[in-house]
Amino acid sequence: MTDPVQQETRSSAAPDADRQSSDDADDDHLSDLEDGVGCTEIWEHLSERRAEASARSTERAEE
């Protein structure tokens, strides 16, 4: 089992620049959304992206 205190210490020891680039990579898929949108808007946005990706995948498979 992981010690939460040690885990927090390790993660807080990371430089801010590393944390920032990691955060940016984690939320790039939300860059099209405006600040302040709610859960429903985020859910719709993600669903649309998945549907588009699925459609592209199906088109490639048919070629």
Protein backbone atom coordinates (compact mmCIF):
# COMPACT_ATOMS: atom_id res chain seq x y z
CA MET A 1 0.00 0.00 0.00
CA THR A 2 1.26 3.49 -0.84
CA ASP A 3 1.86 5.95 1.95
CA PRO A 4 -0.22 9.05 1.10
CA VAL A 5 2.22 11.36 2.87
CA GLN A 6 5.17 10.08 0.85
CA GLN A 7 3.12 10.26 -2.34
CA GLU A 8 2.20 13.89 -1.61
CA THR A 9 5.80 14.76 -0.80
CA ARG A 10 7.04 13.27 -4.05
CA SER A 11 4.41 15.01 -6.14
CA SER A 12 4.93 18.38 -4.43
CA ALA A 13 8.68 18.13 -4.98
CA ALA A 14 8.21 18.24 -8.77
CA PRO A 15 9.10 21.59 -10.35
CA ASP A 16 6.20 23.82 -11.36
CA ALA A 17 7.26 23.69 -15.02
CA ASP A 18 6.96 19.90 -15.07
CA ARG A 19 3.59 20.07 -13.35
CA GLN A 20 2.37 22.71 -15.82
CA SER A 21 3.37 20.73 -18.91
CA SER A 22 1.78 17.61 -17.44
CA ASP A 23 -1.43 19.50 -16.69
CA ASP A 24 -1.49 20.92 -20.22
CA ALA A 25 -1.16 17.45 -21.71
CA ASP A 26 -3.94 16.15 -19.47
CA ASP A 27 -6.50 18.74 -20.55
CA ASP A 28 -5.68 19.43 -24.21
CA HIS A 29 -8.90 17.66 -25.19
CA LEU A 30 -10.83 20.41 -23.37
CA SER A 31 -9.12 23.36 -25.06
CA ASP A 32 -12.16 24.05 -27.27
CA LEU A 33 -14.37 24.69 -24.24
CA GLU A 34 -14.89 28.10 -22.71
CA ASP A 35 -14.05 28.73 -19.07
CA GLY A 36 -16.98 28.17 -16.77
CA VAL A 37 -18.86 25.53 -18.77
CA GLY A 38 -20.73 22.94 -16.77
CA CYS A 39 -20.68 19.17 -16.63
CA THR A 40 -23.30 18.80 -19.37
CA GLU A 41 -21.33 20.89 -21.85
CA ILE A 42 -18.15 18.98 -21.09
CA TRP A 43 -19.95 15.64 -21.46
CA GLU A 44 -21.48 16.71 -24.80
CA HIS A 45 -18.10 17.94 -26.06
CA LEU A 46 -16.38 14.67 -25.15
CA SER A 47 -19.20 12.61 -26.66
CA GLU A 48 -18.97 14.55 -29.92
CA ARG A 49 -15.19 14.03 -30.05
CA ARG A 50 -15.61 10.30 -29.48
CA ALA A 51 -18.27 10.06 -32.18
CA GLU A 52 -16.06 11.92 -34.66
CA ALA A 53 -13.09 9.69 -33.84
CA SER A 54 -15.23 6.60 -34.24
CA ALA A 55 -16.54 7.81 -37.60
CA ARG A 56 -12.99 8.48 -38.84
CA SER A 57 -11.91 5.05 -37.66
CA THR A 58 -14.81 3.40 -39.48
CA GLU A 59 -14.04 5.33 -42.69
CA ARG A 60 -10.41 4.20 -42.59
CA ALA A 61 -11.41 0.60 -41.99
CA GLU A 62 -13.70 0.68 -45.03
CA GLU A 63 -10.95 1.98 -47.34
